[in-house]
Amino acid sequence: MEPGEVVMINKDGIHSDMSLAQPTKAKCIFEYIYFARPDSYLDNISVYNSRIMAGRILAQTHPVEADIVVGVPDSGN
């Protein structure tokens, strides 16, 4: 599916409607953080690696004093 695409499945088959699509496409950050599977690639970028990099950047830009940092898999679910 493309951004803005509506796919309808009914007894007559599968139909695509792009009438709501916008000329400018944008990504939602939640796709990388919550929705996509870790083994997915979005725009040829590994979701797993992008999550690691996001955590690294967060730690560098907003350091805190802590004994441990724990990721919570599937926290978006």
PDB file of N, CA and C in Angstrom:
ATOM      1  N   MET A   1       0.839  -1.183   0.000  1.00  0.00           N
ATOM      2  CA  MET A   1       0.000   0.000   0.000  1.00  0.00           C
ATOM      3  C   MET A   1       0.879   1.239   0.000  1.00  0.00           C
ATOM      4  N   GLU A   2       0.368   2.254  -0.632  1.00  0.00           N
ATOM      5  CA  GLU A   2       1.034   3.548  -0.664  1.00  0.00           C
ATOM      6  C   GLU A   2       0.357   4.489   0.338  1.00  0.00           C
ATOM      7  N   PRO A   3       1.086   5.511   0.817  1.00  0.00           N
ATOM      8  CA  PRO A   3       0.452   6.485   1.708  1.00  0.00           C
ATOM      9  C   PRO A   3      -0.771   7.105   1.039  1.00  0.00           C
ATOM     10  N   GLY A   4      -1.878   7.140   1.730  1.00  0.00           N
ATOM     11  CA  GLY A   4      -3.115   7.716   1.214  1.00  0.00           C
ATOM     12  C   GLY A   4      -3.952   6.756   0.393  1.00  0.00           C
ATOM     13  N   GLU A   5      -3.436   5.562   0.167  1.00  0.00           N
ATOM     14  CA  GLU A   5      -4.175   4.586  -0.634  1.00  0.00           C
ATOM     15  C   GLU A   5      -5.215   3.868   0.217  1.00  0.00           C
ATOM     16  N   VAL A   6      -6.378   3.665  -0.359  1.00  0.00           N
ATOM     17  CA  VAL A   6      -7.434   2.893   0.284  1.00  0.00           C
ATOM     18  C   VAL A   6      -7.592   1.619  -0.527  1.00  0.00           C
ATOM     19  N   VAL A   7      -7.449   0.478   0.139  1.00  0.00           N
ATOM     20  CA  VAL A   7      -7.612  -0.809  -0.529  1.00  0.00           C
ATOM     21  C   VAL A   7      -8.898  -1.435  -0.018  1.00  0.00           C
ATOM     22  N   MET A   8      -9.753  -1.794  -0.955  1.00  0.00           N
ATOM     23  CA  MET A   8     -11.040  -2.403  -0.603  1.00  0.00           C
ATOM     24  C   MET A   8     -11.056  -3.836  -1.122  1.00  0.00           C
ATOM     25  N   ILE A   9     -11.472  -4.744  -0.275  1.00  0.00           N
ATOM     26  CA  ILE A   9     -11.598  -6.147  -0.654  1.00  0.00           C
ATOM     27  C   ILE A   9     -13.044  -6.549  -0.440  1.00  0.00           C
ATOM     28  N   ASN A  10     -13.679  -6.989  -1.515  1.00  0.00           N
ATOM     29  CA  ASN A  10     -15.071  -7.426  -1.414  1.00  0.00           C
ATOM     30  C   ASN A  10     -15.289  -8.612  -2.358  1.00  0.00           C
ATOM     31  N   LYS A  11     -16.519  -8.997  -2.543  1.00  0.00           N
ATOM     32  CA  LYS A  11     -16.827 -10.169  -3.374  1.00  0.00           C
ATOM     33  C   LYS A  11     -16.412  -9.981  -4.828  1.00  0.00           C
ATOM     34  N   ASP A  12     -16.222  -8.728  -5.240  1.00  0.00           N
ATOM     35  CA  ASP A  12     -15.818  -8.449  -6.617  1.00  0.00           C
ATOM     36  C   ASP A  12     -14.301  -8.427  -6.795  1.00  0.00           C
ATOM     37  N   GLY A  13     -13.552  -8.551  -5.700  1.00  0.00           N
ATOM     38  CA  GLY A  13     -12.093  -8.580  -5.793  1.00  0.00           C
ATOM     39  C   GLY A  13     -11.437  -7.496  -4.962  1.00  0.00           C
ATOM     40  N   ILE A  14     -10.217  -7.161  -5.344  1.00  0.00           N
ATOM     41  CA  ILE A  14      -9.416  -6.159  -4.636  1.00  0.00           C
ATOM     42  C   ILE A  14      -9.380  -4.897  -5.490  1.00  0.00           C
ATOM     43  N   HIS A  15      -9.661  -3.756  -4.856  1.00  0.00           N
ATOM     44  CA  HIS A  15      -9.709  -2.477  -5.567  1.00  0.00           C
ATOM     45  C   HIS A  15      -8.872  -1.456  -4.814  1.00  0.00           C
ATOM     46  N   SER A  16      -8.125  -0.663  -5.550  1.00  0.00           N
ATOM     47  CA  SER A  16      -7.289   0.385  -4.971  1.00  0.00           C
ATOM     48  C   SER A  16      -7.860   1.747  -5.341  1.00  0.00           C
ATOM     49  N   ASP A  17      -7.879   2.660  -4.381  1.00  0.00           N
ATOM     50  CA  ASP A  17      -8.358   4.024  -4.604  1.00  0.00           C
ATOM     51  C   ASP A  17      -7.287   4.981  -4.095  1.00  0.00           C
ATOM     52  N   MET A  18      -6.716   5.772  -4.996  1.00  0.00           N
ATOM     53  CA  MET A  18      -5.675   6.732  -4.631  1.00  0.00           C
ATOM     54  C   MET A  18      -6.201   8.164  -4.618  1.00  0.00           C
ATOM     55  N   SER A  19      -7.532   8.340  -4.645  1.00  0.00           N
ATOM     56  CA  SER A  19      -8.104   9.681  -4.744  1.00  0.00           C
ATOM     57  C   SER A  19      -7.821  10.539  -3.515  1.00  0.00           C
ATOM     58  N   LEU A  20      -7.514   9.932  -2.376  1.00  0.00           N
ATOM     59  CA  LEU A  20      -7.219  10.699  -1.159  1.00  0.00           C
ATOM     60  C   LEU A  20      -5.726  10.959  -0.970  1.00  0.00           C
ATOM     61  N   ALA A  21      -4.903  10.381  -1.836  1.00  0.00           N
ATOM     62  CA  ALA A  21      -3.447  10.522  -1.702  1.00  0.00           C
ATOM     63  C   ALA A  21      -3.016  11.961  -1.947  1.00  0.00           C
ATOM     64  N   GLN A  22      -2.046  12.399  -1.190  1.00  0.00           N
ATOM     65  CA  GLN A  22      -1.495  13.747  -1.322  1.00  0.00           C
ATOM     66  C   GLN A  22      -0.222  13.681  -2.163  1.00  0.00           C
ATOM     67  N   PRO A  23       0.109  14.753  -2.869  1.00  0.00           N
ATOM     68  CA  PRO A  23       1.323  14.735  -3.688  1.00  0.00           C
ATOM     69  C   PRO A  23       2.604  14.637  -2.854  1.00  0.00           C
ATOM     70  N   THR A  24       2.595  15.215  -1.658  1.00  0.00           N
ATOM     71  CA  THR A  24       3.745  15.148  -0.768  1.00  0.00           C
ATOM     72  C   THR A  24       3.527  14.026   0.230  1.00  0.00           C
ATOM     73  N   LYS A  25       4.489  13.108   0.303  1.00  0.00           N
ATOM     74  CA  LYS A  25       4.373  11.979   1.218  1.00  0.00           C
ATOM     75  C   LYS A  25       5.192  12.244   2.470  1.00  0.00           C
ATOM     76  N   ALA A  26       4.706  11.783   3.613  1.00  0.00           N
ATOM     77  CA  ALA A  26       5.405  11.952   4.884  1.00  0.00           C
ATOM     78  C   ALA A  26       5.341  10.643   5.656  1.00  0.00           C
ATOM     79  N   LYS A  27       6.333  10.413   6.483  1.00  0.00           N
ATOM     80  CA  LYS A  27       6.386   9.205   7.300  1.00  0.00           C
ATOM     81  C   LYS A  27       5.966   9.538   8.731  1.00  0.00           C
ATOM     82  N   CYS A  28       5.400   8.561   9.396  1.00  0.00           N
ATOM     83  CA  CYS A  28       5.037   8.699  10.800  1.00  0.00           C
ATOM     84  C   CYS A  28       6.117   8.019  11.634  1.00  0.00           C
ATOM     85  N   ILE A  29       6.672   8.711  12.601  1.00  0.00           N
ATOM     86  CA  ILE A  29       7.742   8.167  13.434  1.00  0.00           C
ATOM     87  C   ILE A  29       7.286   6.938  14.200  1.00  0.00           C
ATOM     88  N   PHE A  30       5.990   6.836  14.473  1.00  0.00           N
ATOM     89  CA  PHE A  30       5.491   5.674  15.207  1.00  0.00           C
ATOM     90  C   PHE A  30       5.643   4.384  14.398  1.00  0.00           C
ATOM     91  N   GLU A  31       5.756   4.496  13.082  1.00  0.00           N
ATOM     92  CA  GLU A  31       5.992   3.297  12.261  1.00  0.00           C
ATOM     93  C   GLU A  31       7.318   2.660  12.657  1.00  0.00           C
ATOM     94  N   TYR A  32       8.346   3.482  12.845  1.00  0.00           N
ATOM     95  CA  TYR A  32       9.659   2.967  13.243  1.00  0.00           C
ATOM     96  C   TYR A  32       9.680   2.526  14.710  1.00  0.00           C
ATOM     97  N   ILE A  33       9.013   3.280  15.562  1.00  0.00           N
ATOM     98  CA  ILE A  33       9.116   3.032  17.001  1.00  0.00           C
ATOM     99  C   ILE A  33       8.185   1.919  17.463  1.00  0.00           C
ATOM    100  N   TYR A  34       6.927   1.920  17.038  1.00  0.00           N
ATOM    101  CA  TYR A  34       5.944   0.995  17.595  1.00  0.00           C
ATOM    102  C   TYR A  34       5.388  -0.037  16.615  1.00  0.00           C
ATOM    103  N   PHE A  35       5.052   0.385  15.416  1.00  0.00           N
ATOM    104  CA  PHE A  35       4.226  -0.460  14.555  1.00  0.00           C
ATOM    105  C   PHE A  35       4.995  -1.521  13.775  1.00  0.00           C
ATOM    106  N   ALA A  36       6.140  -1.171  13.224  1.00  0.00           N
ATOM    107  CA  ALA A  36       6.860  -2.096  12.350  1.00  0.00           C
ATOM    108  C   ALA A  36       7.545  -3.209  13.146  1.00  0.00           C
ATOM    109  N   ARG A  37       7.609  -4.372  12.521  1.00  0.00           N
ATOM    110  CA  ARG A  37       8.345  -5.487  13.135  1.00  0.00           C
ATOM    111  C   ARG A  37       9.833  -5.156  13.117  1.00  0.00           C
ATOM    112  N   PRO A  38      10.592  -5.653  14.096  1.00  0.00           N
ATOM    113  CA  PRO A  38      12.025  -5.350  14.144  1.00  0.00           C
ATOM    114  C   PRO A  38      12.796  -5.788  12.902  1.00  0.00           C
ATOM    115  N   ASP A  39      12.332  -6.814  12.206  1.00  0.00           N
ATOM    116  CA  ASP A  39      13.043  -7.280  11.022  1.00  0.00           C
ATOM    117  C   ASP A  39      12.570  -6.596   9.738  1.00  0.00           C
ATOM    118  N   SER A  40      11.771  -5.549   9.873  1.00  0.00           N
ATOM    119  CA  SER A  40      11.264  -4.817   8.708  1.00  0.00           C
ATOM    120  C   SER A  40      12.280  -3.795   8.213  1.00  0.00           C
ATOM    121  N   TYR A  41      12.106  -3.408   6.959  1.00  0.00           N
ATOM    122  CA  TYR A  41      12.865  -2.317   6.363  1.00  0.00           C
ATOM    123  C   TYR A  41      11.871  -1.297   5.839  1.00  0.00           C
ATOM    124  N   LEU A  42      12.076  -0.022   6.191  1.00  0.00           N
ATOM    125  CA  LEU A  42      11.255   1.075   5.688  1.00  0.00           C
ATOM    126  C   LEU A  42      12.168   1.996   4.897  1.00  0.00           C
ATOM    127  N   ASP A  43      11.870   2.204   3.637  1.00  0.00           N
ATOM    128  CA  ASP A  43      12.726   3.002   2.750  1.00  0.00           C
ATOM    129  C   ASP A  43      14.159   2.464   2.748  1.00  0.00           C
ATOM    130  N   ASN A  44      14.288   1.145   2.725  1.00  0.00           N
ATOM    131  CA  ASN A  44      15.588   0.457   2.724  1.00  0.00           C
ATOM    132  C   ASN A  44      16.408   0.719   3.984  1.00  0.00           C
ATOM    133  N   ILE A  45      15.744   1.079   5.073  1.00  0.00           N
ATOM    134  CA  ILE A  45      16.416   1.300   6.354  1.00  0.00           C
ATOM    135  C   ILE A  45      15.912   0.252   7.328  1.00  0.00           C
ATOM    136  N   SER A  46      16.834  -0.428   8.001  1.00  0.00           N
ATOM    137  CA  SER A  46      16.486  -1.452   8.975  1.00  0.00           C
ATOM    138  C   SER A  46      15.772  -0.815  10.165  1.00  0.00           C
ATOM    139  N   VAL A  47      14.588  -1.310  10.473  1.00  0.00           N
ATOM    140  CA  VAL A  47      13.848  -0.801  11.633  1.00  0.00           C
ATOM    141  C   VAL A  47      14.643  -1.089  12.913  1.00  0.00           C
ATOM    142  N   TYR A  48      15.200  -2.282  13.010  1.00  0.00           N
ATOM    143  CA  TYR A  48      15.990  -2.653  14.195  1.00  0.00           C
ATOM    144  C   TYR A  48      17.155  -1.679  14.390  1.00  0.00           C
ATOM    145  N   ASN A  49      17.924  -1.440  13.315  1.00  0.00           N
ATOM    146  CA  ASN A  49      19.065  -0.527  13.426  1.00  0.00           C
ATOM    147  C   ASN A  49      18.632   0.902  13.711  1.00  0.00           C
ATOM    148  N   SER A  50      17.490   1.323  13.151  1.00  0.00           N
ATOM    149  CA  SER A  50      17.030   2.689  13.419  1.00  0.00           C
ATOM    150  C   SER A  50      16.625   2.843  14.883  1.00  0.00           C
ATOM    151  N   ARG A  51      16.079   1.783  15.491  1.00  0.00           N
ATOM    152  CA  ARG A  51      15.730   1.838  16.916  1.00  0.00           C
ATOM    153  C   ARG A  51      16.976   1.912  17.787  1.00  0.00           C
ATOM    154  N   ILE A  52      18.003   1.159  17.419  1.00  0.00           N
ATOM    155  CA  ILE A  52      19.274   1.213  18.154  1.00  0.00           C
ATOM    156  C   ILE A  52      19.859   2.611  18.059  1.00  0.00           C
ATOM    157  N   MET A  53      19.873   3.169  16.854  1.00  0.00           N
ATOM    158  CA  MET A  53      20.430   4.506  16.650  1.00  0.00           C
ATOM    159  C   MET A  53      19.616   5.568  17.393  1.00  0.00           C
ATOM    160  N   ALA A  54      18.298   5.446  17.387  1.00  0.00           N
ATOM    161  CA  ALA A  54      17.460   6.413  18.109  1.00  0.00           C
ATOM    162  C   ALA A  54      17.778   6.377  19.604  1.00  0.00           C
ATOM    163  N   GLY A  55      17.957   5.181  20.167  1.00  0.00           N
ATOM    164  CA  GLY A  55      18.323   5.050  21.575  1.00  0.00           C
ATOM    165  C   GLY A  55      19.686   5.654  21.862  1.00  0.00           C
ATOM    166  N   ARG A  56      20.623   5.436  20.957  1.00  0.00           N
ATOM    167  CA  ARG A  56      21.972   5.988  21.124  1.00  0.00           C
ATOM    168  C   ARG A  56      21.927   7.518  21.105  1.00  0.00           C
ATOM    169  N   ILE A  57      21.196   8.077  20.146  1.00  0.00           N
ATOM    170  CA  ILE A  57      21.093   9.536  20.049  1.00  0.00           C
ATOM    171  C   ILE A  57      20.394  10.111  21.282  1.00  0.00           C
ATOM    172  N   LEU A  58      19.336   9.444  21.742  1.00  0.00           N
ATOM    173  CA  LEU A  58      18.631   9.900  22.934  1.00  0.00           C
ATOM    174  C   LEU A  58      19.565   9.913  24.145  1.00  0.00           C
ATOM    175  N   ALA A  59      20.373   8.869  24.297  1.00  0.00           N
ATOM    176  CA  ALA A  59      21.303   8.800  25.427  1.00  0.00           C
ATOM    177  C   ALA A  59      22.354   9.906  25.345  1.00  0.00           C
ATOM    178  N   GLN A  60      22.799  10.234  24.147  1.00  0.00           N
ATOM    179  CA  GLN A  60      23.820  11.272  23.976  1.00  0.00           C
ATOM    180  C   GLN A  60      23.260  12.676  24.166  1.00  0.00           C
ATOM    181  N   THR A  61      22.039  12.895  23.722  1.00  0.00           N
ATOM    182  CA  THR A  61      21.474  14.247  23.779  1.00  0.00           C
ATOM    183  C   THR A  61      20.744  14.541  25.084  1.00  0.00           C
ATOM    184  N   HIS A  62      20.314  13.493  25.800  1.00  0.00           N
ATOM    185  CA  HIS A  62      19.596  13.673  27.056  1.00  0.00           C
ATOM    186  C   HIS A  62      20.120  12.682  28.101  1.00  0.00           C
ATOM    187  N   PRO A  63      21.387  12.847  28.518  1.00  0.00           N
ATOM    188  CA  PRO A  63      21.961  11.893  29.462  1.00  0.00           C
ATOM    189  C   PRO A  63      21.289  11.979  30.834  1.00  0.00           C
ATOM    190  N   VAL A  64      21.199  10.835  31.478  1.00  0.00           N
ATOM    191  CA  VAL A  64      20.664  10.759  32.831  1.00  0.00           C
ATOM    192  C   VAL A  64      21.559   9.842  33.648  1.00  0.00           C
ATOM    193  N   GLU A  65      21.523  10.024  34.956  1.00  0.00           N
ATOM    194  CA  GLU A  65      22.255   9.130  35.842  1.00  0.00           C
ATOM    195  C   GLU A  65      21.348   7.938  36.137  1.00  0.00           C
ATOM    196  N   ALA A  66      21.785   6.758  35.706  1.00  0.00           N
ATOM    197  CA  ALA A  66      20.958   5.558  35.890  1.00  0.00           C
ATOM    198  C   ALA A  66      21.861   4.341  36.004  1.00  0.00           C
ATOM    199  N   ASP A  67      21.357   3.322  36.674  1.00  0.00           N
ATOM    200  CA  ASP A  67      22.092   2.066  36.790  1.00  0.00           C
ATOM    201  C   ASP A  67      21.865   1.173  35.578  1.00  0.00           C
ATOM    202  N   ILE A  68      20.677   1.257  34.972  1.00  0.00           N
ATOM    203  CA  ILE A  68      20.340   0.400  33.846  1.00  0.00           C
ATOM    204  C   ILE A  68      19.236   1.056  33.017  1.00  0.00           C
ATOM    205  N   VAL A  69      19.284   0.815  31.736  1.00  0.00           N
ATOM    206  CA  VAL A  69      18.222   1.249  30.824  1.00  0.00           C
ATOM    207  C   VAL A  69      17.695  -0.021  30.165  1.00  0.00           C
ATOM    208  N   VAL A  70      16.388  -0.212  30.209  1.00  0.00           N
ATOM    209  CA  VAL A  70      15.782  -1.441  29.703  1.00  0.00           C
ATOM    210  C   VAL A  70      14.776  -1.106  28.613  1.00  0.00           C
ATOM    211  N   GLY A  71      14.962  -1.734  27.465  1.00  0.00           N
ATOM    212  CA  GLY A  71      13.971  -1.588  26.396  1.00  0.00           C
ATOM    213  C   GLY A  71      12.774  -2.466  26.722  1.00  0.00           C
ATOM    214  N   VAL A  72      11.602  -2.036  26.297  1.00  0.00           N
ATOM    215  CA  VAL A  72      10.378  -2.809  26.537  1.00  0.00           C
ATOM    216  C   VAL A  72       9.834  -3.250  25.176  1.00  0.00           C
ATOM    217  N   PRO A  73      10.154  -4.483  24.756  1.00  0.00           N
ATOM    218  CA  PRO A  73       9.692  -4.943  23.445  1.00  0.00           C
ATOM    219  C   PRO A  73       8.175  -4.911  23.331  1.00  0.00           C
ATOM    220  N   ASP A  74       7.704  -4.521  22.181  1.00  0.00           N
ATOM    221  CA  ASP A  74       6.267  -4.472  21.876  1.00  0.00           C
ATOM    222  C   ASP A  74       5.494  -3.599  22.856  1.00  0.00           C
ATOM    223  N   SER A  75       6.141  -2.562  23.387  1.00  0.00           N
ATOM    224  CA  SER A  75       5.453  -1.684  24.343  1.00  0.00           C
ATOM    225  C   SER A  75       4.304  -0.951  23.690  1.00  0.00           C
ATOM    226  N   GLY A  76       4.362  -0.776  22.368  1.00  0.00           N
ATOM    227  CA  GLY A  76       3.277  -0.098  21.659  1.00  0.00           C
ATOM    228  C   GLY A  76       2.016  -0.953  21.560  1.00  0.00           C
ATOM    229  N   ASN A  77       2.169  -2.245  21.787  1.00  0.00           N
ATOM    230  CA  ASN A  77       1.018  -3.123  21.724  1.00  0.00           C
ATOM    231  C   ASN A  77       0.288  -3.141  23.052  1.00  0.00           C
TER     232      ASN A  77
END
